[in-house]
Amino acid sequence: MEVPAPVKLKSSAHVSPEASVLFEEKQAKELSEKLAEQPVADLKKAIALNDRLLLTRELFAGDGKAFEATINALNGFSHFEEAKVYLVEHCVERYVWLDKKRVEEAKNFIKLVRRRYK
């Protein structure tokens, strides 16, 4: 198995007001919402095959290697802020996550990523 190269991040990424919509966090009120926020130890294991295919197609323009590299990088971080910087620098603009067809899927993906660091 190939070990991903260390990712160099800027100390803090400027998140545009448009992109900040993707990272908003709502407080869970219902029990089902609270259960859906349980921590995830490994993003690779937390994403089912169908979801993996959907995310690759919708958020990574069908580029499976980019999806895998992103998941590996995200699993390597220890704080959500690092993951947020990575996503802003490498994914949001490159894959046009702010397009109205992708915003909801991007929000759901980021919600899952946030669970990785709880």
PDB file of N, CA and C in Angstrom:
ATOM      1  N   MET A   1       0.831  -1.172   0.000  1.00  0.00           N
ATOM      2  CA  MET A   1       0.000   0.000   0.000  1.00  0.00           C
ATOM      3  C   MET A   1       0.879   1.240   0.000  1.00  0.00           C
ATOM      4  N   GLU A   2       0.526   2.178  -0.841  1.00  0.00           N
ATOM      5  CA  GLU A   2       1.313   3.385  -0.993  1.00  0.00           C
ATOM      6  C   GLU A   2       0.995   4.378   0.115  1.00  0.00           C
ATOM      7  N   VAL A   3       2.032   4.925   0.728  1.00  0.00           N
ATOM      8  CA  VAL A   3       1.853   5.904   1.791  1.00  0.00           C
ATOM      9  C   VAL A   3       1.755   7.283   1.153  1.00  0.00           C
ATOM     10  N   PRO A   4       0.679   8.034   1.456  1.00  0.00           N
ATOM     11  CA  PRO A   4       0.553   9.350   0.843  1.00  0.00           C
ATOM     12  C   PRO A   4       1.632  10.299   1.349  1.00  0.00           C
ATOM     13  N   ALA A   5       2.077  11.173   0.462  1.00  0.00           N
ATOM     14  CA  ALA A   5       3.083  12.163   0.832  1.00  0.00           C
ATOM     15  C   ALA A   5       2.471  13.141   1.826  1.00  0.00           C
ATOM     16  N   PRO A   6       3.276  13.671   2.737  1.00  0.00           N
ATOM     17  CA  PRO A   6       2.746  14.638   3.692  1.00  0.00           C
ATOM     18  C   PRO A   6       2.156  15.835   2.950  1.00  0.00           C
ATOM     19  N   VAL A   7       1.084  16.337   3.457  1.00  0.00           N
ATOM     20  CA  VAL A   7       0.408  17.460   2.832  1.00  0.00           C
ATOM     21  C   VAL A   7       0.856  18.739   3.509  1.00  0.00           C
ATOM     22  N   LYS A   8       1.264  19.707   2.715  1.00  0.00           N
ATOM     23  CA  LYS A   8       1.656  21.001   3.271  1.00  0.00           C
ATOM     24  C   LYS A   8       0.457  21.926   3.212  1.00  0.00           C
ATOM     25  N   LEU A   9       0.116  22.492   4.350  1.00  0.00           N
ATOM     26  CA  LEU A   9      -1.024  23.386   4.437  1.00  0.00           C
ATOM     27  C   LEU A   9      -0.553  24.773   4.824  1.00  0.00           C
ATOM     28  N   LYS A  10      -1.304  25.750   4.363  1.00  0.00           N
ATOM     29  CA  LYS A  10      -1.074  27.102   4.842  1.00  0.00           C
ATOM     30  C   LYS A  10      -1.524  27.120   6.290  1.00  0.00           C
ATOM     31  N   SER A  11      -1.004  28.036   7.076  1.00  0.00           N
ATOM     32  CA  SER A  11      -1.360  28.065   8.494  1.00  0.00           C
ATOM     33  C   SER A  11      -2.855  28.263   8.686  1.00  0.00           C
ATOM     34  N   SER A  12      -3.467  29.047   7.830  1.00  0.00           N
ATOM     35  CA  SER A  12      -4.921  29.178   7.872  1.00  0.00           C
ATOM     36  C   SER A  12      -5.389  29.570   6.488  1.00  0.00           C
ATOM     37  N   ALA A  13      -6.443  28.966   6.064  1.00  0.00           N
ATOM     38  CA  ALA A  13      -6.982  29.262   4.745  1.00  0.00           C
ATOM     39  C   ALA A  13      -8.066  30.302   4.887  1.00  0.00           C
ATOM     40  N   HIS A  14      -8.083  31.220   3.951  1.00  0.00           N
ATOM     41  CA  HIS A  14      -9.165  32.193   3.940  1.00  0.00           C
ATOM     42  C   HIS A  14     -10.380  31.506   3.343  1.00  0.00           C
ATOM     43  N   VAL A  15     -11.440  31.455   4.111  1.00  0.00           N
ATOM     44  CA  VAL A  15     -12.670  30.833   3.635  1.00  0.00           C
ATOM     45  C   VAL A  15     -13.593  31.960   3.198  1.00  0.00           C
ATOM     46  N   SER A  16     -13.925  31.962   1.926  1.00  0.00           N
ATOM     47  CA  SER A  16     -14.810  32.999   1.410  1.00  0.00           C
ATOM     48  C   SER A  16     -16.179  32.869   2.079  1.00  0.00           C
ATOM     49  N   PRO A  17     -16.939  33.955   2.133  1.00  0.00           N
ATOM     50  CA  PRO A  17     -18.286  33.876   2.726  1.00  0.00           C
ATOM     51  C   PRO A  17     -19.148  32.821   2.034  1.00  0.00           C
ATOM     52  N   GLU A  18     -18.987  32.677   0.726  1.00  0.00           N
ATOM     53  CA  GLU A  18     -19.763  31.662   0.002  1.00  0.00           C
ATOM     54  C   GLU A  18     -19.382  30.264   0.472  1.00  0.00           C
ATOM     55  N   ALA A  19     -18.080  30.016   0.613  1.00  0.00           N
ATOM     56  CA  ALA A  19     -17.603  28.689   1.018  1.00  0.00           C
ATOM     57  C   ALA A  19     -17.903  28.401   2.479  1.00  0.00           C
ATOM     58  N   SER A  20     -17.999  29.437   3.299  1.00  0.00           N
ATOM     59  CA  SER A  20     -18.268  29.206   4.724  1.00  0.00           C
ATOM     60  C   SER A  20     -19.615  28.524   4.946  1.00  0.00           C
ATOM     61  N   VAL A  21     -20.511  28.657   3.981  1.00  0.00           N
ATOM     62  CA  VAL A  21     -21.817  27.979   4.051  1.00  0.00           C
ATOM     63  C   VAL A  21     -21.628  26.467   4.154  1.00  0.00           C
ATOM     64  N   LEU A  22     -20.610  25.943   3.488  1.00  0.00           N
ATOM     65  CA  LEU A  22     -20.358  24.503   3.501  1.00  0.00           C
ATOM     66  C   LEU A  22     -19.943  23.999   4.878  1.00  0.00           C
ATOM     67  N   PHE A  23     -19.345  24.872   5.687  1.00  0.00           N
ATOM     68  CA  PHE A  23     -18.773  24.456   6.961  1.00  0.00           C
ATOM     69  C   PHE A  23     -19.638  24.813   8.171  1.00  0.00           C
ATOM     70  N   GLU A  24     -20.839  25.333   7.926  1.00  0.00           N
ATOM     71  CA  GLU A  24     -21.727  25.664   9.040  1.00  0.00           C
ATOM     72  C   GLU A  24     -22.110  24.394   9.779  1.00  0.00           C
ATOM     73  N   GLU A  25     -22.195  24.521  11.096  1.00  0.00           N
ATOM     74  CA  GLU A  25     -22.562  23.362  11.915  1.00  0.00           C
ATOM     75  C   GLU A  25     -23.843  23.679  12.676  1.00  0.00           C
ATOM     76  N   LYS A  26     -24.835  22.832  12.475  1.00  0.00           N
ATOM     77  CA  LYS A  26     -26.104  23.004  13.178  1.00  0.00           C
ATOM     78  C   LYS A  26     -26.116  22.076  14.384  1.00  0.00           C
ATOM     79  N   GLN A  27     -26.702  22.553  15.473  1.00  0.00           N
ATOM     80  CA  GLN A  27     -26.814  21.727  16.675  1.00  0.00           C
ATOM     81  C   GLN A  27     -27.907  20.681  16.480  1.00  0.00           C
ATOM     82  N   ALA A  28     -27.599  19.451  16.823  1.00  0.00           N
ATOM     83  CA  ALA A  28     -28.571  18.370  16.719  1.00  0.00           C
ATOM     84  C   ALA A  28     -29.622  18.513  17.812  1.00  0.00           C
ATOM     85  N   LYS A  29     -30.867  18.371  17.409  1.00  0.00           N
ATOM     86  CA  LYS A  29     -31.960  18.473  18.371  1.00  0.00           C
ATOM     87  C   LYS A  29     -32.646  17.130  18.573  1.00  0.00           C
ATOM     88  N   GLU A  30     -32.851  16.419  17.500  1.00  0.00           N
ATOM     89  CA  GLU A  30     -33.520  15.126  17.553  1.00  0.00           C
ATOM     90  C   GLU A  30     -32.514  14.022  17.899  1.00  0.00           C
ATOM     91  N   LEU A  31     -33.022  12.957  18.493  1.00  0.00           N
ATOM     92  CA  LEU A  31     -32.167  11.825  18.840  1.00  0.00           C
ATOM     93  C   LEU A  31     -31.485  11.253  17.599  1.00  0.00           C
ATOM     94  N   SER A  32     -32.226  11.127  16.508  1.00  0.00           N
ATOM     95  CA  SER A  32     -31.648  10.568  15.282  1.00  0.00           C
ATOM     96  C   SER A  32     -30.499  11.439  14.772  1.00  0.00           C
ATOM     97  N   GLU A  33     -30.629  12.765  14.917  1.00  0.00           N
ATOM     98  CA  GLU A  33     -29.551  13.670  14.507  1.00  0.00           C
ATOM     99  C   GLU A  33     -28.329  13.487  15.402  1.00  0.00           C
ATOM    100  N   LYS A  34     -28.575  13.300  16.695  1.00  0.00           N
ATOM    101  CA  LYS A  34     -27.466  13.111  17.635  1.00  0.00           C
ATOM    102  C   LYS A  34     -26.741  11.798  17.351  1.00  0.00           C
ATOM    103  N   LEU A  35     -27.495  10.764  17.043  1.00  0.00           N
ATOM    104  CA  LEU A  35     -26.886   9.476  16.722  1.00  0.00           C
ATOM    105  C   LEU A  35     -26.079   9.553  15.426  1.00  0.00           C
ATOM    106  N   ALA A  36     -26.542  10.383  14.493  1.00  0.00           N
ATOM    107  CA  ALA A  36     -25.845  10.539  13.218  1.00  0.00           C
ATOM    108  C   ALA A  36     -24.557  11.347  13.367  1.00  0.00           C
ATOM    109  N   GLU A  37     -24.313  11.891  14.548  1.00  0.00           N
ATOM    110  CA  GLU A  37     -23.098  12.668  14.791  1.00  0.00           C
ATOM    111  C   GLU A  37     -22.061  11.907  15.605  1.00  0.00           C
ATOM    112  N   GLN A  38     -22.250  10.619  15.764  1.00  0.00           N
ATOM    113  CA  GLN A  38     -21.286   9.821  16.516  1.00  0.00           C
ATOM    114  C   GLN A  38     -19.919   9.882  15.830  1.00  0.00           C
ATOM    115  N   PRO A  39     -18.835   9.870  16.610  1.00  0.00           N
ATOM    116  CA  PRO A  39     -17.490   9.943  16.023  1.00  0.00           C
ATOM    117  C   PRO A  39     -17.197   8.794  15.058  1.00  0.00           C
ATOM    118  N   VAL A  40     -16.345   9.098  14.095  1.00  0.00           N
ATOM    119  CA  VAL A  40     -15.907   8.135  13.087  1.00  0.00           C
ATOM    120  C   VAL A  40     -14.393   8.028  13.210  1.00  0.00           C
ATOM    121  N   ALA A  41     -13.876   6.820  13.361  1.00  0.00           N
ATOM    122  CA  ALA A  41     -12.429   6.637  13.528  1.00  0.00           C
ATOM    123  C   ALA A  41     -11.679   6.680  12.194  1.00  0.00           C
ATOM    124  N   ASP A  42     -12.301   6.169  11.142  1.00  0.00           N
ATOM    125  CA  ASP A  42     -11.647   6.067   9.846  1.00  0.00           C
ATOM    126  C   ASP A  42     -12.664   6.394   8.754  1.00  0.00           C
ATOM    127  N   LEU A  43     -12.414   7.452   8.003  1.00  0.00           N
ATOM    128  CA  LEU A  43     -13.356   7.856   6.960  1.00  0.00           C
ATOM    129  C   LEU A  43     -13.509   6.780   5.886  1.00  0.00           C
ATOM    130  N   LYS A  44     -12.418   6.075   5.587  1.00  0.00           N
ATOM    131  CA  LYS A  44     -12.492   5.020   4.572  1.00  0.00           C
ATOM    132  C   LYS A  44     -13.534   3.968   4.931  1.00  0.00           C
ATOM    133  N   LYS A  45     -13.540   3.578   6.194  1.00  0.00           N
ATOM    134  CA  LYS A  45     -14.464   2.547   6.652  1.00  0.00           C
ATOM    135  C   LYS A  45     -15.877   3.096   6.854  1.00  0.00           C
ATOM    136  N   ALA A  46     -15.993   4.394   7.063  1.00  0.00           N
ATOM    137  CA  ALA A  46     -17.297   4.999   7.343  1.00  0.00           C
ATOM    138  C   ALA A  46     -18.113   5.266   6.089  1.00  0.00           C
ATOM    139  N   ILE A  47     -17.476   5.194   4.918  1.00  0.00           N
ATOM    140  CA  ILE A  47     -18.176   5.506   3.669  1.00  0.00           C
ATOM    141  C   ILE A  47     -18.463   4.208   2.921  1.00  0.00           C
ATOM    142  N   ALA A  48     -19.736   3.910   2.764  1.00  0.00           N
ATOM    143  CA  ALA A  48     -20.166   2.708   2.049  1.00  0.00           C
ATOM    144  C   ALA A  48     -19.821   2.835   0.561  1.00  0.00           C
ATOM    145  N   LEU A  49     -19.770   1.708  -0.119  1.00  0.00           N
ATOM    146  CA  LEU A  49     -19.378   1.685  -1.533  1.00  0.00           C
ATOM    147  C   LEU A  49     -20.251   2.612  -2.380  1.00  0.00           C
ATOM    148  N   ASN A  50     -21.561   2.537  -2.233  1.00  0.00           N
ATOM    149  CA  ASN A  50     -22.440   3.391  -3.033  1.00  0.00           C
ATOM    150  C   ASN A  50     -22.183   4.864  -2.751  1.00  0.00           C
ATOM    151  N   ASP A  51     -21.973   5.203  -1.485  1.00  0.00           N
ATOM    152  CA  ASP A  51     -21.669   6.591  -1.128  1.00  0.00           C
ATOM    153  C   ASP A  51     -20.324   7.014  -1.696  1.00  0.00           C
ATOM    154  N   ARG A  52     -19.383   6.106  -1.673  1.00  0.00           N
ATOM    155  CA  ARG A  52     -18.045   6.379  -2.224  1.00  0.00           C
ATOM    156  C   ARG A  52     -18.163   6.721  -3.713  1.00  0.00           C
ATOM    157  N   LEU A  53     -18.949   5.940  -4.430  1.00  0.00           N
ATOM    158  CA  LEU A  53     -19.143   6.182  -5.860  1.00  0.00           C
ATOM    159  C   LEU A  53     -19.854   7.513  -6.100  1.00  0.00           C
ATOM    160  N   LEU A  54     -20.877   7.786  -5.295  1.00  0.00           N
ATOM    161  CA  LEU A  54     -21.616   9.044  -5.413  1.00  0.00           C
ATOM    162  C   LEU A  54     -20.705  10.237  -5.133  1.00  0.00           C
ATOM    163  N   LEU A  55     -19.953  10.176  -4.042  1.00  0.00           N
ATOM    164  CA  LEU A  55     -19.057  11.276  -3.686  1.00  0.00           C
ATOM    165  C   LEU A  55     -17.986  11.488  -4.755  1.00  0.00           C
ATOM    166  N   THR A  56     -17.448  10.409  -5.267  1.00  0.00           N
ATOM    167  CA  THR A  56     -16.425  10.511  -6.314  1.00  0.00           C
ATOM    168  C   THR A  56     -17.010  11.200  -7.546  1.00  0.00           C
ATOM    169  N   ARG A  57     -18.201  10.786  -7.928  1.00  0.00           N
ATOM    170  CA  ARG A  57     -18.834  11.366  -9.116  1.00  0.00           C
ATOM    171  C   ARG A  57     -19.239  12.816  -8.893  1.00  0.00           C
ATOM    172  N   GLU A  58     -19.912  13.087  -7.779  1.00  0.00           N
ATOM    173  CA  GLU A  58     -20.475  14.409  -7.542  1.00  0.00           C
ATOM    174  C   GLU A  58     -19.457  15.448  -7.065  1.00  0.00           C
ATOM    175  N   LEU A  59     -18.556  15.061  -6.165  1.00  0.00           N
ATOM    176  CA  LEU A  59     -17.671  16.040  -5.544  1.00  0.00           C
ATOM    177  C   LEU A  59     -16.240  16.034  -6.081  1.00  0.00           C
ATOM    178  N   PHE A  60     -15.861  14.980  -6.804  1.00  0.00           N
ATOM    179  CA  PHE A  60     -14.484  14.892  -7.289  1.00  0.00           C
ATOM    180  C   PHE A  60     -14.427  14.656  -8.799  1.00  0.00           C
ATOM    181  N   ALA A  61     -15.484  15.048  -9.494  1.00  0.00           N
ATOM    182  CA  ALA A  61     -15.538  14.977 -10.962  1.00  0.00           C
ATOM    183  C   ALA A  61     -15.165  13.591 -11.492  1.00  0.00           C
ATOM    184  N   GLY A  62     -15.526  12.561 -10.735  1.00  0.00           N
ATOM    185  CA  GLY A  62     -15.264  11.196 -11.163  1.00  0.00           C
ATOM    186  C   GLY A  62     -13.822  10.737 -10.971  1.00  0.00           C
ATOM    187  N   ASP A  63     -13.008  11.544 -10.342  1.00  0.00           N
ATOM    188  CA  ASP A  63     -11.595  11.213 -10.145  1.00  0.00           C
ATOM    189  C   ASP A  63     -11.412  10.411  -8.853  1.00  0.00           C
ATOM    190  N   GLY A  64     -11.396   9.096  -8.988  1.00  0.00           N
ATOM    191  CA  GLY A  64     -11.266   8.210  -7.841  1.00  0.00           C
ATOM    192  C   GLY A  64      -9.964   8.395  -7.081  1.00  0.00           C
ATOM    193  N   LYS A  65      -8.879   8.685  -7.798  1.00  0.00           N
ATOM    194  CA  LYS A  65      -7.589   8.891  -7.134  1.00  0.00           C
ATOM    195  C   LYS A  65      -7.614  10.149  -6.278  1.00  0.00           C
ATOM    196  N   ALA A  66      -8.267  11.190  -6.763  1.00  0.00           N
ATOM    197  CA  ALA A  66      -8.375  12.429  -5.981  1.00  0.00           C
ATOM    198  C   ALA A  66      -9.211  12.188  -4.731  1.00  0.00           C
ATOM    199  N   PHE A  67     -10.276  11.418  -4.870  1.00  0.00           N
ATOM    200  CA  PHE A  67     -11.115  11.092  -3.716  1.00  0.00           C
ATOM    201  C   PHE A  67     -10.308  10.318  -2.682  1.00  0.00           C
ATOM    202  N   GLU A  68      -9.595   9.284  -3.119  1.00  0.00           N
ATOM    203  CA  GLU A  68      -8.785   8.471  -2.213  1.00  0.00           C
ATOM    204  C   GLU A  68      -7.696   9.304  -1.535  1.00  0.00           C
ATOM    205  N   ALA A  69      -7.040  10.165  -2.306  1.00  0.00           N
ATOM    206  CA  ALA A  69      -5.980  11.010  -1.742  1.00  0.00           C
ATOM    207  C   ALA A  69      -6.557  11.949  -0.688  1.00  0.00           C
ATOM    208  N   THR A  70      -7.749  12.472  -0.950  1.00  0.00           N
ATOM    209  CA  THR A  70      -8.398  13.372   0.008  1.00  0.00           C
ATOM    210  C   THR A  70      -8.752  12.626   1.282  1.00  0.00           C
ATOM    211  N   ILE A  71      -9.324  11.441   1.154  1.00  0.00           N
ATOM    212  CA  ILE A  71      -9.700  10.642   2.326  1.00  0.00           C
ATOM    213  C   ILE A  71      -8.447  10.302   3.140  1.00  0.00           C
ATOM    214  N   ASN A  72      -7.376   9.906   2.466  1.00  0.00           N
ATOM    215  CA  ASN A  72      -6.128   9.584   3.166  1.00  0.00           C
ATOM    216  C   ASN A  72      -5.581  10.800   3.895  1.00  0.00           C
ATOM    217  N   ALA A  73      -5.610  11.948   3.237  1.00  0.00           N
ATOM    218  CA  ALA A  73      -5.118  13.179   3.875  1.00  0.00           C
ATOM    219  C   ALA A  73      -5.974  13.521   5.084  1.00  0.00           C
ATOM    220  N   LEU A  74      -7.296  13.453   4.935  1.00  0.00           N
ATOM    221  CA  LEU A  74      -8.203  13.793   6.031  1.00  0.00           C
ATOM    222  C   LEU A  74      -8.026  12.850   7.214  1.00  0.00           C
ATOM    223  N   ASN A  75      -7.805  11.582   6.940  1.00  0.00           N
ATOM    224  CA  ASN A  75      -7.580  10.616   8.019  1.00  0.00           C
ATOM    225  C   ASN A  75      -6.278  10.904   8.768  1.00  0.00           C
ATOM    226  N   GLY A  76      -5.342  11.581   8.106  1.00  0.00           N
ATOM    227  CA  GLY A  76      -4.053  11.867   8.722  1.00  0.00           C
ATOM    228  C   GLY A  76      -4.036  13.087   9.628  1.00  0.00           C
ATOM    229  N   PHE A  77      -5.047  13.913   9.535  1.00  0.00           N
ATOM    230  CA  PHE A  77      -5.089  15.122  10.359  1.00  0.00           C
ATOM    231  C   PHE A  77      -5.625  14.808  11.746  1.00  0.00           C
ATOM    232  N   SER A  78      -5.254  15.656  12.705  1.00  0.00           N
ATOM    233  CA  SER A  78      -5.723  15.421  14.076  1.00  0.00           C
ATOM    234  C   SER A  78      -6.788  16.411  14.521  1.00  0.00           C
ATOM    235  N   HIS A  79      -7.048  17.454  13.724  1.00  0.00           N
ATOM    236  CA  HIS A  79      -8.055  18.449  14.097  1.00  0.00           C
ATOM    237  C   HIS A  79      -8.890  18.824  12.882  1.00  0.00           C
ATOM    238  N   PHE A  80     -10.140  19.176  13.127  1.00  0.00           N
ATOM    239  CA  PHE A  80     -11.027  19.559  12.041  1.00  0.00           C
ATOM    240  C   PHE A  80     -10.520  20.802  11.309  1.00  0.00           C
ATOM    241  N   GLU A  81      -9.888  21.726  12.019  1.00  0.00           N
ATOM    242  CA  GLU A  81      -9.390  22.944  11.366  1.00  0.00           C
ATOM    243  C   GLU A  81      -8.374  22.601  10.271  1.00  0.00           C
ATOM    244  N   GLU A  82      -7.540  21.590  10.515  1.00  0.00           N
ATOM    245  CA  GLU A  82      -6.589  21.153   9.488  1.00  0.00           C
ATOM    246  C   GLU A  82      -7.336  20.606   8.272  1.00  0.00           C
ATOM    247  N   ALA A  83      -8.366  19.812   8.536  1.00  0.00           N
ATOM    248  CA  ALA A  83      -9.170  19.238   7.457  1.00  0.00           C
ATOM    249  C   ALA A  83      -9.872  20.340   6.671  1.00  0.00           C
ATOM    250  N   LYS A  84     -10.380  21.322   7.381  1.00  0.00           N
ATOM    251  CA  LYS A  84     -11.081  22.440   6.745  1.00  0.00           C
ATOM    252  C   LYS A  84     -10.138  23.192   5.806  1.00  0.00           C
ATOM    253  N   VAL A  85      -8.935  23.485   6.287  1.00  0.00           N
ATOM    254  CA  VAL A  85      -7.934  24.171   5.453  1.00  0.00           C
ATOM    255  C   VAL A  85      -7.638  23.334   4.213  1.00  0.00           C
ATOM    256  N   TYR A  86      -7.456  22.043   4.399  1.00  0.00           N
ATOM    257  CA  TYR A  86      -7.169  21.148   3.268  1.00  0.00           C
ATOM    258  C   TYR A  86      -8.311  21.184   2.252  1.00  0.00           C
ATOM    259  N   LEU A  87      -9.536  21.057   2.728  1.00  0.00           N
ATOM    260  CA  LEU A  87     -10.684  21.045   1.816  1.00  0.00           C
ATOM    261  C   LEU A  87     -10.815  22.360   1.059  1.00  0.00           C
ATOM    262  N   VAL A  88     -10.605  23.468   1.755  1.00  0.00           N
ATOM    263  CA  VAL A  88     -10.693  24.777   1.099  1.00  0.00           C
ATOM    264  C   VAL A  88      -9.592  24.910   0.039  1.00  0.00           C
ATOM    265  N   GLU A  89      -8.383  24.509   0.395  1.00  0.00           N
ATOM    266  CA  GLU A  89      -7.252  24.666  -0.525  1.00  0.00           C
ATOM    267  C   GLU A  89      -7.284  23.694  -1.704  1.00  0.00           C
ATOM    268  N   HIS A  90      -7.808  22.483  -1.495  1.00  0.00           N
ATOM    269  CA  HIS A  90      -7.680  21.449  -2.518  1.00  0.00           C
ATOM    270  C   HIS A  90      -8.983  20.995  -3.178  1.00  0.00           C
ATOM    271  N   CYS A  91     -10.122  21.310  -2.606  1.00  0.00           N
ATOM    272  CA  CYS A  91     -11.351  20.726  -3.150  1.00  0.00           C
ATOM    273  C   CYS A  91     -12.446  21.720  -3.515  1.00  0.00           C
ATOM    274  N   VAL A  92     -12.741  22.653  -2.634  1.00  0.00           N
ATOM    275  CA  VAL A  92     -13.927  23.508  -2.800  1.00  0.00           C
ATOM    276  C   VAL A  92     -13.939  24.210  -4.155  1.00  0.00           C
ATOM    277  N   GLU A  93     -12.865  24.890  -4.501  1.00  0.00           N
ATOM    278  CA  GLU A  93     -12.836  25.587  -5.791  1.00  0.00           C
ATOM    279  C   GLU A  93     -12.537  24.644  -6.946  1.00  0.00           C
ATOM    280  N   ARG A  94     -11.562  23.780  -6.761  1.00  0.00           N
ATOM    281  CA  ARG A  94     -11.145  22.892  -7.850  1.00  0.00           C
ATOM    282  C   ARG A  94     -12.312  22.074  -8.391  1.00  0.00           C
ATOM    283  N   TYR A  95     -13.161  21.583  -7.495  1.00  0.00           N
ATOM    284  CA  TYR A  95     -14.268  20.728  -7.922  1.00  0.00           C
ATOM    285  C   TYR A  95     -15.624  21.438  -7.857  1.00  0.00           C
ATOM    286  N   VAL A  96     -15.604  22.742  -7.727  1.00  0.00           N
ATOM    287  CA  VAL A  96     -16.794  23.596  -7.774  1.00  0.00           C
ATOM    288  C   VAL A  96     -17.888  23.111  -6.824  1.00  0.00           C
ATOM    289  N   TRP A  97     -17.533  22.956  -5.552  1.00  0.00           N
ATOM    290  CA  TRP A  97     -18.488  22.482  -4.559  1.00  0.00           C
ATOM    291  C   TRP A  97     -19.577  23.495  -4.260  1.00  0.00           C
ATOM    292  N   LEU A  98     -19.379  24.736  -4.670  1.00  0.00           N
ATOM    293  CA  LEU A  98     -20.394  25.754  -4.419  1.00  0.00           C
ATOM    294  C   LEU A  98     -21.464  25.808  -5.499  1.00  0.00           C
ATOM    295  N   ASP A  99     -21.334  24.990  -6.515  1.00  0.00           N
ATOM    296  CA  ASP A  99     -22.373  24.877  -7.527  1.00  0.00           C
ATOM    297  C   ASP A  99     -23.636  24.364  -6.850  1.00  0.00           C
ATOM    298  N   LYS A 100     -24.774  24.947  -7.207  1.00  0.00           N
ATOM    299  CA  LYS A 100     -26.011  24.595  -6.497  1.00  0.00           C
ATOM    300  C   LYS A 100     -26.349  23.105  -6.578  1.00  0.00           C
ATOM    301  N   LYS A 101     -25.817  22.395  -7.570  1.00  0.00           N
ATOM    302  CA  LYS A 101     -26.054  20.951  -7.676  1.00  0.00           C
ATOM    303  C   LYS A 101     -25.196  20.152  -6.697  1.00  0.00           C
ATOM    304  N   ARG A 102     -24.124  20.779  -6.173  1.00  0.00           N
ATOM    305  CA  ARG A 102     -23.189  20.053  -5.313  1.00  0.00           C
ATOM    306  C   ARG A 102     -23.201  20.498  -3.856  1.00  0.00           C
ATOM    307  N   VAL A 103     -23.802  21.620  -3.557  1.00  0.00           N
ATOM    308  CA  VAL A 103     -23.710  22.190  -2.209  1.00  0.00           C
ATOM    309  C   VAL A 103     -24.199  21.216  -1.138  1.00  0.00           C
ATOM    310  N   GLU A 104     -25.358  20.620  -1.316  1.00  0.00           N
ATOM    311  CA  GLU A 104     -25.899  19.715  -0.289  1.00  0.00           C
ATOM    312  C   GLU A 104     -25.013  18.496  -0.093  1.00  0.00           C
ATOM    313  N   GLU A 105     -24.517  17.925  -1.185  1.00  0.00           N
ATOM    314  CA  GLU A 105     -23.636  16.756  -1.080  1.00  0.00           C
ATOM    315  C   GLU A 105     -22.334  17.147  -0.385  1.00  0.00           C
ATOM    316  N   ALA A 106     -21.817  18.325  -0.702  1.00  0.00           N
ATOM    317  CA  ALA A 106     -20.590  18.813  -0.060  1.00  0.00           C
ATOM    318  C   ALA A 106     -20.816  19.018   1.436  1.00  0.00           C
ATOM    319  N   LYS A 107     -21.954  19.585   1.809  1.00  0.00           N
ATOM    320  CA  LYS A 107     -22.279  19.788   3.229  1.00  0.00           C
ATOM    321  C   LYS A 107     -22.341  18.447   3.957  1.00  0.00           C
ATOM    322  N   ASN A 108     -22.969  17.463   3.330  1.00  0.00           N
ATOM    323  CA  ASN A 108     -23.067  16.128   3.950  1.00  0.00           C
ATOM    324  C   ASN A 108     -21.692  15.494   4.109  1.00  0.00           C
ATOM    325  N   PHE A 109     -20.844  15.654   3.112  1.00  0.00           N
ATOM    326  CA  PHE A 109     -19.489  15.117   3.190  1.00  0.00           C
ATOM    327  C   PHE A 109     -18.715  15.799   4.315  1.00  0.00           C
ATOM    328  N   ILE A 110     -18.820  17.102   4.402  1.00  0.00           N
ATOM    329  CA  ILE A 110     -18.107  17.856   5.441  1.00  0.00           C
ATOM    330  C   ILE A 110     -18.636  17.492   6.825  1.00  0.00           C
ATOM    331  N   LYS A 111     -19.927  17.214   6.925  1.00  0.00           N
ATOM    332  CA  LYS A 111     -20.500  16.773   8.203  1.00  0.00           C
ATOM    333  C   LYS A 111     -19.863  15.447   8.625  1.00  0.00           C
ATOM    334  N   LEU A 112     -19.678  14.543   7.677  1.00  0.00           N
ATOM    335  CA  LEU A 112     -19.017  13.271   7.962  1.00  0.00           C
ATOM    336  C   LEU A 112     -17.559  13.503   8.358  1.00  0.00           C
ATOM    337  N   VAL A 113     -16.883  14.386   7.644  1.00  0.00           N
ATOM    338  CA  VAL A 113     -15.488  14.702   7.955  1.00  0.00           C
ATOM    339  C   VAL A 113     -15.389  15.261   9.364  1.00  0.00           C
ATOM    340  N   ARG A 114     -16.309  16.133   9.739  1.00  0.00           N
ATOM    341  CA  ARG A 114     -16.310  16.724  11.091  1.00  0.00           C
ATOM    342  C   ARG A 114     -16.406  15.627  12.159  1.00  0.00           C
ATOM    343  N   ARG A 115     -17.184  14.587  11.878  1.00  0.00           N
ATOM    344  CA  ARG A 115     -17.333  13.476  12.834  1.00  0.00           C
ATOM    345  C   ARG A 115     -16.010  12.755  13.066  1.00  0.00           C
ATOM    346  N   ARG A 116     -15.126  12.801  12.108  1.00  0.00           N
ATOM    347  CA  ARG A 116     -13.820  12.136  12.225  1.00  0.00           C
ATOM    348  C   ARG A 116     -12.992  12.730  13.379  1.00  0.00           C
ATOM    349  N   TYR A 117     -13.252  13.985  13.713  1.00  0.00           N
ATOM    350  CA  TYR A 117     -12.425  14.688  14.698  1.00  0.00           C
ATOM    351  C   TYR A 117     -13.127  14.903  16.033  1.00  0.00           C
ATOM    352  N   LYS A 118     -14.258  14.265  16.257  1.00  0.00           N
ATOM    353  CA  LYS A 118     -14.972  14.414  17.544  1.00  0.00           C
ATOM    354  C   LYS A 118     -14.410  13.466  18.571  1.00  0.00           C
TER     355      LYS A 118
END
